[in-house]
Amino acid sequence: MAGRRLDPGEAALWARVVAAVKPLHAARPTPPAPLLLERLEKHGAPTPKPVRARAVVAPPVPAKARTPGPTLDAGWDRKLARGLVSPDSTLDLHGHTLASAHALLDQGLARAIQRGDRVLLLVTGKPPRAESERPHARGAIRAAVQDWIIAGPYADRVASIRGAHLRHGGQGALYLILRRPVRRVD
């Protein structure tokens, strides 16, 4: 995609921005392309400083970390598609901010797991309509739910996340299928 060229002031400003950026992950520093350096120097921009690689310590990963999977057995899939599954409990996040919805999701999952629920109906609100023209954040909670669950403390207890049947909210809700607790035999 060809765009307009930067004027000298913009080029100098962009060079300062690039020089101030620090990478999120350590990588081998790559020297700037000679052509880029020539263009920056031509417009009077300072030469970017080389980036030092830093060691990144990854957090420990549990040996058997399980996350919500894409499939359930065929029986579950048929029941969900036909709307034959009755949720054990419902959690309504519709109308909350992202922060309050995230906290409420963690609390609701903890309660559902403690009660031994298998299906939690999560009301998130409908995603944005395709014909919508105004900028808005509609559907932000629904878009963030899977990330919250995967990164949350109950990721290993959620077997699957599915769209809800029309009778339970359709596009405005999700089913969280919870795993049965592992019973230890002593």
N, C-alpha and C. Protein backbone atom coordinates (compact mmCIF):
# COMPACT_ATOMS: atom_id res chain seq x y z
N MET A 1 0.85 -1.17 0.00
CA MET A 1 0.00 0.00 0.00
C MET A 1 0.90 1.23 0.00
N ALA A 2 0.75 2.05 -0.99
CA ALA A 2 1.57 3.25 -1.09
C ALA A 2 0.86 4.40 -0.41
N GLY A 3 1.58 5.12 0.39
CA GLY A 3 1.02 6.26 1.10
C GLY A 3 1.82 7.50 0.76
N ARG A 4 1.51 8.58 1.41
CA ARG A 4 2.25 9.81 1.16
C ARG A 4 3.59 9.73 1.87
N ARG A 5 4.53 10.52 1.41
CA ARG A 5 5.86 10.57 2.04
C ARG A 5 5.81 11.51 3.24
N LEU A 6 6.65 11.21 4.22
CA LEU A 6 6.73 12.06 5.41
C LEU A 6 7.54 13.31 5.10
N ASP A 7 7.09 14.42 5.62
CA ASP A 7 7.89 15.63 5.47
C ASP A 7 9.04 15.56 6.48
N PRO A 8 10.05 16.42 6.38
CA PRO A 8 11.22 16.32 7.27
C PRO A 8 10.88 16.35 8.75
N GLY A 9 9.94 17.18 9.15
CA GLY A 9 9.56 17.24 10.57
C GLY A 9 8.92 15.93 11.04
N GLU A 10 8.04 15.37 10.20
CA GLU A 10 7.41 14.10 10.54
C GLU A 10 8.43 12.97 10.59
N ALA A 11 9.39 12.97 9.66
CA ALA A 11 10.42 11.93 9.63
C ALA A 11 11.27 11.99 10.90
N ALA A 12 11.60 13.19 11.35
CA ALA A 12 12.41 13.33 12.56
C ALA A 12 11.62 12.85 13.78
N LEU A 13 10.35 13.21 13.84
CA LEU A 13 9.50 12.77 14.94
C LEU A 13 9.36 11.25 14.94
N TRP A 14 9.14 10.66 13.77
CA TRP A 14 9.00 9.21 13.67
C TRP A 14 10.29 8.52 14.10
N ALA A 15 11.43 9.06 13.74
CA ALA A 15 12.71 8.47 14.13
C ALA A 15 12.86 8.48 15.65
N ARG A 16 12.42 9.56 16.32
CA ARG A 16 12.50 9.61 17.79
C ARG A 16 11.57 8.58 18.41
N VAL A 17 10.38 8.40 17.82
CA VAL A 17 9.44 7.40 18.33
C VAL A 17 10.04 6.01 18.21
N VAL A 18 10.59 5.70 17.04
CA VAL A 18 11.19 4.38 16.81
C VAL A 18 12.34 4.14 17.77
N ALA A 19 13.14 5.16 18.04
CA ALA A 19 14.29 5.01 18.93
C ALA A 19 13.85 4.79 20.38
N ALA A 20 12.67 5.28 20.74
CA ALA A 20 12.21 5.17 22.13
C ALA A 20 11.45 3.87 22.41
N VAL A 21 11.10 3.12 21.38
CA VAL A 21 10.32 1.90 21.56
C VAL A 21 11.20 0.80 22.14
N LYS A 22 10.69 0.12 23.15
CA LYS A 22 11.40 -1.02 23.75
C LYS A 22 10.61 -2.27 23.43
N PRO A 23 11.24 -3.34 22.97
CA PRO A 23 10.52 -4.55 22.60
C PRO A 23 9.93 -5.25 23.82
N LEU A 24 8.80 -5.91 23.62
CA LEU A 24 8.19 -6.68 24.69
C LEU A 24 8.96 -7.96 24.97
N HIS A 25 9.45 -8.58 23.93
CA HIS A 25 10.17 -9.83 24.07
C HIS A 25 11.61 -9.64 23.61
N ALA A 26 12.51 -10.31 24.29
CA ALA A 26 13.91 -10.21 23.91
C ALA A 26 14.12 -10.91 22.58
N ALA A 27 14.81 -10.26 21.72
CA ALA A 27 15.14 -10.83 20.42
C ALA A 27 16.53 -10.34 20.05
N ARG A 28 17.10 -11.02 19.10
CA ARG A 28 18.40 -10.55 18.66
C ARG A 28 18.23 -9.20 17.99
N PRO A 29 19.03 -8.22 18.43
CA PRO A 29 18.88 -6.91 17.81
C PRO A 29 19.24 -6.98 16.33
N THR A 30 18.43 -6.35 15.51
CA THR A 30 18.71 -6.29 14.09
C THR A 30 19.10 -4.87 13.74
N PRO A 31 20.18 -4.71 13.02
CA PRO A 31 20.59 -3.36 12.66
C PRO A 31 19.58 -2.76 11.69
N PRO A 32 19.35 -1.45 11.77
CA PRO A 32 18.42 -0.81 10.84
C PRO A 32 18.91 -0.94 9.41
N ALA A 33 18.00 -1.01 8.49
CA ALA A 33 18.36 -1.13 7.08
C ALA A 33 19.14 0.12 6.66
N PRO A 34 20.19 -0.08 5.86
CA PRO A 34 21.00 1.07 5.43
C PRO A 34 20.18 2.13 4.71
N LEU A 35 19.20 1.72 3.90
CA LEU A 35 18.38 2.68 3.17
C LEU A 35 17.57 3.54 4.14
N LEU A 36 17.05 2.92 5.20
CA LEU A 36 16.29 3.66 6.20
C LEU A 36 17.18 4.68 6.90
N LEU A 37 18.40 4.27 7.26
CA LEU A 37 19.34 5.19 7.92
C LEU A 37 19.66 6.38 7.02
N GLU A 38 19.87 6.12 5.73
CA GLU A 38 20.17 7.21 4.80
C GLU A 38 19.02 8.20 4.74
N ARG A 39 17.79 7.69 4.67
CA ARG A 39 16.63 8.58 4.60
C ARG A 39 16.47 9.40 5.88
N LEU A 40 16.69 8.75 7.03
CA LEU A 40 16.56 9.46 8.30
C LEU A 40 17.62 10.55 8.41
N GLU A 41 18.88 10.23 8.05
CA GLU A 41 19.95 11.21 8.12
C GLU A 41 19.71 12.37 7.14
N LYS A 42 19.13 12.04 5.99
CA LYS A 42 18.85 13.06 4.98
C LYS A 42 17.89 14.12 5.52
N HIS A 43 16.96 13.70 6.38
CA HIS A 43 15.98 14.62 6.95
C HIS A 43 16.40 15.16 8.31
N GLY A 44 17.62 14.89 8.71
CA GLY A 44 18.15 15.43 9.95
C GLY A 44 17.69 14.72 11.21
N ALA A 45 17.22 13.50 11.08
CA ALA A 45 16.77 12.74 12.24
C ALA A 45 17.96 12.08 12.91
N PRO A 46 17.92 11.92 14.23
CA PRO A 46 19.03 11.26 14.92
C PRO A 46 19.05 9.77 14.57
N THR A 47 20.24 9.19 14.60
CA THR A 47 20.38 7.77 14.32
C THR A 47 19.83 6.97 15.50
N PRO A 48 18.97 5.98 15.25
CA PRO A 48 18.43 5.20 16.35
C PRO A 48 19.53 4.43 17.08
N LYS A 49 19.36 4.32 18.40
CA LYS A 49 20.34 3.59 19.19
C LYS A 49 20.07 2.10 19.07
N PRO A 50 21.13 1.27 19.10
CA PRO A 50 20.90 -0.17 19.04
C PRO A 50 20.18 -0.65 20.30
N VAL A 51 19.35 -1.65 20.14
CA VAL A 51 18.58 -2.19 21.25
C VAL A 51 19.34 -3.36 21.87
N ARG A 52 19.50 -3.31 23.21
CA ARG A 52 20.15 -4.40 23.92
C ARG A 52 19.15 -5.49 24.18
N ALA A 53 19.55 -6.71 23.95
CA ALA A 53 18.66 -7.84 24.24
C ALA A 53 18.69 -8.11 25.74
N ARG A 54 17.49 -8.33 26.32
CA ARG A 54 17.38 -8.66 27.73
C ARG A 54 16.84 -10.06 27.87
N ALA A 55 17.26 -10.73 28.89
CA ALA A 55 16.75 -12.08 29.14
C ALA A 55 15.32 -11.99 29.65
N VAL A 56 14.47 -12.82 29.11
CA VAL A 56 13.08 -12.85 29.52
C VAL A 56 12.83 -14.14 30.27
N VAL A 57 12.29 -14.02 31.46
CA VAL A 57 12.00 -15.20 32.26
C VAL A 57 10.52 -15.51 32.09
N ALA A 58 10.24 -16.68 31.54
CA ALA A 58 8.85 -17.07 31.31
C ALA A 58 8.25 -17.59 32.60
N PRO A 59 6.98 -17.30 32.85
CA PRO A 59 6.34 -17.83 34.06
C PRO A 59 6.22 -19.34 33.97
N PRO A 60 6.27 -20.02 35.10
CA PRO A 60 6.16 -21.49 35.05
C PRO A 60 4.78 -21.91 34.54
N VAL A 61 4.77 -22.93 33.70
CA VAL A 61 3.52 -23.45 33.15
C VAL A 61 3.18 -24.73 33.88
N PRO A 62 1.95 -24.84 34.41
CA PRO A 62 1.57 -26.07 35.08
C PRO A 62 1.70 -27.26 34.13
N ALA A 63 2.04 -28.42 34.68
CA ALA A 63 2.27 -29.60 33.87
C ALA A 63 1.03 -30.01 33.08
N LYS A 64 -0.14 -29.95 33.69
CA LYS A 64 -1.36 -30.38 33.01
C LYS A 64 -2.34 -29.22 32.89
N ALA A 65 -1.89 -28.10 32.35
CA ALA A 65 -2.79 -26.96 32.19
C ALA A 65 -3.74 -27.26 31.03
N ARG A 66 -5.03 -27.24 31.32
CA ARG A 66 -6.02 -27.48 30.28
C ARG A 66 -6.80 -26.20 30.06
N THR A 67 -7.13 -25.94 28.84
CA THR A 67 -7.90 -24.75 28.50
C THR A 67 -9.16 -25.20 27.76
N PRO A 68 -10.13 -24.31 27.61
CA PRO A 68 -11.35 -24.69 26.91
C PRO A 68 -11.04 -25.23 25.53
N GLY A 69 -11.59 -26.38 25.22
CA GLY A 69 -11.31 -27.03 23.95
C GLY A 69 -12.34 -26.72 22.88
N PRO A 70 -12.01 -27.00 21.64
CA PRO A 70 -12.92 -26.70 20.54
C PRO A 70 -14.05 -27.72 20.40
N THR A 71 -13.87 -28.92 20.93
CA THR A 71 -14.88 -29.94 20.68
C THR A 71 -15.38 -30.56 21.98
N LEU A 72 -16.59 -31.03 21.91
CA LEU A 72 -17.20 -31.86 22.93
C LEU A 72 -17.58 -33.15 22.22
N ASP A 73 -18.08 -34.13 22.96
CA ASP A 73 -18.52 -35.33 22.25
C ASP A 73 -19.79 -35.02 21.46
N ALA A 74 -20.13 -35.91 20.55
CA ALA A 74 -21.25 -35.67 19.63
C ALA A 74 -22.57 -35.47 20.36
N GLY A 75 -22.76 -36.16 21.48
CA GLY A 75 -24.00 -36.02 22.24
C GLY A 75 -24.19 -34.60 22.76
N TRP A 76 -23.12 -34.04 23.32
CA TRP A 76 -23.19 -32.66 23.82
C TRP A 76 -23.48 -31.70 22.67
N ASP A 77 -22.77 -31.87 21.56
CA ASP A 77 -22.96 -30.98 20.42
C ASP A 77 -24.41 -31.00 19.92
N ARG A 78 -25.00 -32.18 19.81
CA ARG A 78 -26.39 -32.28 19.36
C ARG A 78 -27.34 -31.60 20.33
N LYS A 79 -27.15 -31.85 21.62
CA LYS A 79 -28.04 -31.25 22.63
C LYS A 79 -27.94 -29.73 22.63
N LEU A 80 -26.72 -29.21 22.52
CA LEU A 80 -26.54 -27.75 22.50
C LEU A 80 -27.16 -27.14 21.25
N ALA A 81 -26.96 -27.77 20.09
CA ALA A 81 -27.49 -27.24 18.83
C ALA A 81 -29.01 -27.22 18.84
N ARG A 82 -29.64 -28.17 19.50
CA ARG A 82 -31.11 -28.25 19.53
C ARG A 82 -31.72 -27.48 20.70
N GLY A 83 -30.90 -26.94 21.56
CA GLY A 83 -31.41 -26.19 22.70
C GLY A 83 -31.96 -27.08 23.79
N LEU A 84 -31.50 -28.33 23.87
CA LEU A 84 -32.01 -29.29 24.84
C LEU A 84 -31.28 -29.25 26.18
N VAL A 85 -30.20 -28.49 26.25
CA VAL A 85 -29.43 -28.39 27.49
C VAL A 85 -30.00 -27.24 28.32
N SER A 86 -30.31 -27.52 29.56
CA SER A 86 -30.77 -26.48 30.47
C SER A 86 -29.60 -26.02 31.33
N PRO A 87 -29.29 -24.74 31.30
CA PRO A 87 -28.18 -24.26 32.12
C PRO A 87 -28.47 -24.46 33.61
N ASP A 88 -27.44 -24.82 34.36
CA ASP A 88 -27.57 -24.99 35.81
C ASP A 88 -27.65 -23.64 36.50
N SER A 89 -26.98 -22.64 35.93
CA SER A 89 -27.03 -21.29 36.50
C SER A 89 -26.78 -20.28 35.38
N THR A 90 -27.09 -19.03 35.66
CA THR A 90 -26.93 -17.94 34.69
C THR A 90 -26.13 -16.82 35.32
N LEU A 91 -25.25 -16.23 34.52
CA LEU A 91 -24.46 -15.09 34.95
C LEU A 91 -24.64 -14.00 33.90
N ASP A 92 -25.18 -12.86 34.31
CA ASP A 92 -25.49 -11.77 33.38
C ASP A 92 -24.42 -10.68 33.46
N LEU A 93 -23.62 -10.56 32.40
CA LEU A 93 -22.58 -9.52 32.32
C LEU A 93 -23.03 -8.35 31.46
N HIS A 94 -24.21 -8.46 30.89
CA HIS A 94 -24.73 -7.43 29.99
C HIS A 94 -24.84 -6.10 30.72
N GLY A 95 -24.30 -5.05 30.14
CA GLY A 95 -24.39 -3.71 30.71
C GLY A 95 -23.26 -3.35 31.67
N HIS A 96 -22.35 -4.28 31.96
CA HIS A 96 -21.23 -3.99 32.86
C HIS A 96 -20.06 -3.39 32.07
N THR A 97 -19.15 -2.76 32.79
CA THR A 97 -17.90 -2.32 32.16
C THR A 97 -17.02 -3.55 32.00
N LEU A 98 -15.94 -3.43 31.23
CA LEU A 98 -15.04 -4.57 31.05
C LEU A 98 -14.44 -5.02 32.38
N ALA A 99 -14.04 -4.08 33.22
CA ALA A 99 -13.42 -4.43 34.50
C ALA A 99 -14.41 -5.13 35.42
N SER A 100 -15.62 -4.58 35.54
CA SER A 100 -16.59 -5.20 36.44
C SER A 100 -17.08 -6.54 35.89
N ALA A 101 -17.19 -6.66 34.57
CA ALA A 101 -17.60 -7.93 33.96
C ALA A 101 -16.55 -9.01 34.21
N HIS A 102 -15.28 -8.65 34.12
CA HIS A 102 -14.20 -9.62 34.36
C HIS A 102 -14.24 -10.12 35.80
N ALA A 103 -14.37 -9.21 36.75
CA ALA A 103 -14.44 -9.60 38.16
C ALA A 103 -15.68 -10.45 38.43
N LEU A 104 -16.82 -10.08 37.84
CA LEU A 104 -18.05 -10.84 38.03
C LEU A 104 -17.95 -12.23 37.42
N LEU A 105 -17.27 -12.35 36.29
CA LEU A 105 -17.07 -13.66 35.66
C LEU A 105 -16.27 -14.58 36.57
N ASP A 106 -15.17 -14.08 37.14
CA ASP A 106 -14.37 -14.91 38.05
C ASP A 106 -15.17 -15.34 39.27
N GLN A 107 -15.95 -14.43 39.84
CA GLN A 107 -16.77 -14.77 41.01
C GLN A 107 -17.85 -15.79 40.64
N GLY A 108 -18.50 -15.57 39.50
CA GLY A 108 -19.56 -16.48 39.07
C GLY A 108 -19.04 -17.86 38.75
N LEU A 109 -17.87 -17.95 38.12
CA LEU A 109 -17.26 -19.26 37.85
C LEU A 109 -16.92 -19.98 39.15
N ALA A 110 -16.38 -19.24 40.11
CA ALA A 110 -16.04 -19.86 41.40
C ALA A 110 -17.30 -20.44 42.07
N ARG A 111 -18.39 -19.68 42.05
CA ARG A 111 -19.64 -20.18 42.65
C ARG A 111 -20.19 -21.39 41.90
N ALA A 112 -20.17 -21.34 40.57
CA ALA A 112 -20.68 -22.45 39.76
C ALA A 112 -19.86 -23.71 39.99
N ILE A 113 -18.56 -23.58 40.08
CA ILE A 113 -17.68 -24.73 40.32
C ILE A 113 -17.94 -25.30 41.71
N GLN A 114 -18.10 -24.41 42.69
CA GLN A 114 -18.35 -24.85 44.06
C GLN A 114 -19.68 -25.60 44.16
N ARG A 115 -20.70 -25.16 43.42
CA ARG A 115 -22.00 -25.83 43.43
C ARG A 115 -21.99 -27.13 42.65
N GLY A 116 -21.00 -27.30 41.77
CA GLY A 116 -20.94 -28.49 40.94
C GLY A 116 -21.73 -28.36 39.65
N ASP A 117 -21.97 -27.13 39.19
CA ASP A 117 -22.70 -26.92 37.94
C ASP A 117 -21.92 -27.49 36.76
N ARG A 118 -22.65 -27.92 35.72
CA ARG A 118 -22.02 -28.41 34.50
C ARG A 118 -22.14 -27.39 33.36
N VAL A 119 -23.26 -26.63 33.32
CA VAL A 119 -23.47 -25.65 32.26
C VAL A 119 -23.82 -24.31 32.88
N LEU A 120 -23.02 -23.32 32.55
CA LEU A 120 -23.25 -21.96 33.01
C LEU A 120 -23.63 -21.12 31.79
N LEU A 121 -24.79 -20.47 31.86
CA LEU A 121 -25.21 -19.58 30.79
C LEU A 121 -24.65 -18.20 31.09
N LEU A 122 -23.85 -17.68 30.18
CA LEU A 122 -23.19 -16.40 30.35
C LEU A 122 -23.82 -15.40 29.38
N VAL A 123 -24.57 -14.43 29.91
CA VAL A 123 -25.22 -13.41 29.09
C VAL A 123 -24.23 -12.26 28.91
N THR A 124 -23.85 -12.02 27.65
CA THR A 124 -22.82 -11.02 27.37
C THR A 124 -23.36 -9.82 26.61
N GLY A 125 -24.45 -9.96 25.93
CA GLY A 125 -24.94 -8.92 25.04
C GLY A 125 -24.55 -9.28 23.62
N LYS A 126 -25.30 -8.78 22.68
CA LYS A 126 -25.08 -9.15 21.28
C LYS A 126 -23.87 -8.43 20.70
N PRO A 127 -23.21 -9.07 19.72
CA PRO A 127 -22.10 -8.40 19.02
C PRO A 127 -22.64 -7.29 18.14
N PRO A 128 -21.76 -6.39 17.66
CA PRO A 128 -22.23 -5.28 16.83
C PRO A 128 -22.87 -5.78 15.53
N ARG A 129 -23.87 -5.07 15.06
CA ARG A 129 -24.50 -5.40 13.79
C ARG A 129 -23.57 -4.98 12.65
N ALA A 130 -23.62 -5.72 11.57
CA ALA A 130 -22.76 -5.42 10.42
C ALA A 130 -23.11 -4.07 9.80
N GLU A 131 -24.39 -3.70 9.83
CA GLU A 131 -24.80 -2.45 9.19
C GLU A 131 -24.60 -1.23 10.09
N SER A 132 -24.11 -1.44 11.30
CA SER A 132 -23.91 -0.34 12.24
C SER A 132 -22.82 0.60 11.72
N GLU A 133 -23.07 1.90 11.78
CA GLU A 133 -22.11 2.87 11.25
C GLU A 133 -21.36 3.62 12.33
N ARG A 134 -21.96 3.82 13.48
CA ARG A 134 -21.30 4.64 14.50
C ARG A 134 -20.21 3.84 15.22
N PRO A 135 -19.14 4.49 15.61
CA PRO A 135 -18.11 3.77 16.37
C PRO A 135 -18.61 3.50 17.79
N HIS A 136 -18.45 2.29 18.23
CA HIS A 136 -18.89 1.91 19.57
C HIS A 136 -18.12 0.69 20.04
N ALA A 137 -18.29 0.35 21.27
CA ALA A 137 -17.61 -0.80 21.84
C ALA A 137 -18.58 -1.94 22.09
N ARG A 138 -19.66 -2.00 21.34
CA ARG A 138 -20.64 -3.05 21.52
C ARG A 138 -19.99 -4.40 21.23
N GLY A 139 -20.23 -5.37 22.09
CA GLY A 139 -19.68 -6.70 21.91
C GLY A 139 -18.30 -6.86 22.53
N ALA A 140 -17.81 -5.87 23.26
CA ALA A 140 -16.47 -5.93 23.83
C ALA A 140 -16.37 -7.02 24.90
N ILE A 141 -17.41 -7.18 25.71
CA ILE A 141 -17.38 -8.21 26.75
C ILE A 141 -17.33 -9.58 26.11
N ARG A 142 -18.21 -9.81 25.16
CA ARG A 142 -18.26 -11.12 24.48
C ARG A 142 -16.91 -11.44 23.84
N ALA A 143 -16.27 -10.44 23.24
CA ALA A 143 -14.99 -10.66 22.58
C ALA A 143 -13.88 -11.00 23.58
N ALA A 144 -14.01 -10.52 24.82
CA ALA A 144 -12.95 -10.72 25.81
C ALA A 144 -13.14 -11.96 26.67
N VAL A 145 -14.32 -12.56 26.66
CA VAL A 145 -14.62 -13.66 27.58
C VAL A 145 -13.63 -14.81 27.45
N GLN A 146 -13.36 -15.27 26.23
CA GLN A 146 -12.47 -16.41 26.06
C GLN A 146 -11.07 -16.11 26.59
N ASP A 147 -10.56 -14.92 26.33
CA ASP A 147 -9.24 -14.54 26.83
C ASP A 147 -9.23 -14.51 28.35
N TRP A 148 -10.30 -13.97 28.96
CA TRP A 148 -10.38 -13.92 30.42
C TRP A 148 -10.37 -15.32 31.01
N ILE A 149 -11.10 -16.23 30.40
CA ILE A 149 -11.17 -17.59 30.94
C ILE A 149 -9.83 -18.29 30.80
N ILE A 150 -9.20 -18.18 29.64
CA ILE A 150 -7.91 -18.84 29.42
C ILE A 150 -6.85 -18.32 30.38
N ALA A 151 -6.86 -17.02 30.65
CA ALA A 151 -5.86 -16.42 31.52
C ALA A 151 -6.26 -16.49 33.00
N GLY A 152 -7.47 -16.89 33.29
CA GLY A 152 -7.98 -16.86 34.66
C GLY A 152 -7.65 -18.11 35.47
N PRO A 153 -8.05 -18.09 36.73
CA PRO A 153 -7.72 -19.20 37.63
C PRO A 153 -8.55 -20.45 37.39
N TYR A 154 -9.59 -20.39 36.57
CA TYR A 154 -10.47 -21.55 36.36
C TYR A 154 -10.38 -22.09 34.94
N ALA A 155 -9.30 -21.80 34.23
CA ALA A 155 -9.15 -22.26 32.85
C ALA A 155 -9.20 -23.78 32.75
N ASP A 156 -8.65 -24.46 33.73
CA ASP A 156 -8.64 -25.92 33.69
C ASP A 156 -10.00 -26.53 34.01
N ARG A 157 -10.94 -25.74 34.49
CA ARG A 157 -12.26 -26.26 34.85
C ARG A 157 -13.30 -26.02 33.75
N VAL A 158 -12.96 -25.24 32.72
CA VAL A 158 -13.89 -24.98 31.62
C VAL A 158 -13.53 -25.89 30.46
N ALA A 159 -14.47 -26.78 30.11
CA ALA A 159 -14.23 -27.74 29.02
C ALA A 159 -14.42 -27.10 27.66
N SER A 160 -15.44 -26.24 27.52
CA SER A 160 -15.72 -25.65 26.23
C SER A 160 -16.57 -24.39 26.39
N ILE A 161 -16.49 -23.53 25.39
CA ILE A 161 -17.30 -22.32 25.33
C ILE A 161 -18.08 -22.40 24.03
N ARG A 162 -19.40 -22.33 24.11
CA ARG A 162 -20.26 -22.44 22.93
C ARG A 162 -21.26 -21.31 22.86
N GLY A 163 -21.69 -20.99 21.67
CA GLY A 163 -22.75 -20.02 21.48
C GLY A 163 -24.06 -20.60 22.01
N ALA A 164 -24.89 -19.78 22.60
CA ALA A 164 -26.14 -20.24 23.19
C ALA A 164 -27.22 -20.42 22.12
N HIS A 165 -28.15 -21.31 22.41
CA HIS A 165 -29.31 -21.53 21.56
C HIS A 165 -30.22 -20.30 21.66
N LEU A 166 -31.07 -20.09 20.65
CA LEU A 166 -31.98 -18.94 20.66
C LEU A 166 -32.83 -18.90 21.92
N ARG A 167 -33.24 -20.05 22.43
CA ARG A 167 -34.09 -20.07 23.62
C ARG A 167 -33.36 -19.54 24.86
N HIS A 168 -32.02 -19.53 24.81
CA HIS A 168 -31.24 -19.05 25.96
C HIS A 168 -30.50 -17.74 25.67
N GLY A 169 -30.85 -17.06 24.59
CA GLY A 169 -30.23 -15.76 24.33
C GLY A 169 -29.54 -15.65 23.00
N GLY A 170 -29.36 -16.74 22.28
CA GLY A 170 -28.76 -16.70 20.95
C GLY A 170 -27.40 -16.04 20.94
N GLN A 171 -27.24 -15.06 20.07
CA GLN A 171 -25.94 -14.39 19.91
C GLN A 171 -25.55 -13.54 21.11
N GLY A 172 -26.48 -13.29 22.00
CA GLY A 172 -26.18 -12.47 23.16
C GLY A 172 -25.73 -13.26 24.37
N ALA A 173 -25.51 -14.59 24.21
CA ALA A 173 -25.14 -15.41 25.35
C ALA A 173 -24.21 -16.55 24.92
N LEU A 174 -23.53 -17.10 25.89
CA LEU A 174 -22.62 -18.23 25.67
C LEU A 174 -22.90 -19.31 26.71
N TYR A 175 -22.64 -20.55 26.33
CA TYR A 175 -22.65 -21.64 27.30
C TYR A 175 -21.20 -21.89 27.71
N LEU A 176 -20.95 -21.97 29.00
CA LEU A 176 -19.65 -22.43 29.49
C LEU A 176 -19.88 -23.84 30.02
N ILE A 177 -19.30 -24.82 29.37
CA ILE A 177 -19.43 -26.21 29.80
C ILE A 177 -18.28 -26.48 30.76
N LEU A 178 -18.62 -26.80 31.99
CA LEU A 178 -17.60 -27.00 33.03
C LEU A 178 -17.26 -28.48 33.15
N ARG A 179 -15.99 -28.75 33.41
CA ARG A 179 -15.55 -30.13 33.63
C ARG A 179 -16.02 -30.63 34.97
N ARG A 180 -16.23 -31.92 35.04
CA ARG A 180 -16.56 -32.52 36.33
C ARG A 180 -15.31 -32.49 37.19
N PRO A 181 -15.48 -32.32 38.49
CA PRO A 181 -14.29 -32.33 39.36
C PRO A 181 -13.65 -33.71 39.37
N VAL A 182 -12.34 -33.72 39.44
CA VAL A 182 -11.60 -34.98 39.48
C VAL A 182 -11.72 -35.55 40.89
N ARG A 183 -12.20 -36.75 40.97
CA ARG A 183 -12.32 -37.41 42.29
C ARG A 183 -11.12 -38.29 42.50
N ARG A 184 -10.47 -38.07 43.61
CA ARG A 184 -9.27 -38.85 43.92
C ARG A 184 -9.64 -40.04 44.78
N VAL A 185 -9.12 -41.17 44.40
CA VAL A 185 -9.35 -42.39 45.17
C VAL A 185 -8.10 -42.65 46.00
N ASP A 186 -8.28 -42.70 47.30
CA ASP A 186 -7.12 -42.93 48.18
C ASP A 186 -6.92 -44.39 48.46
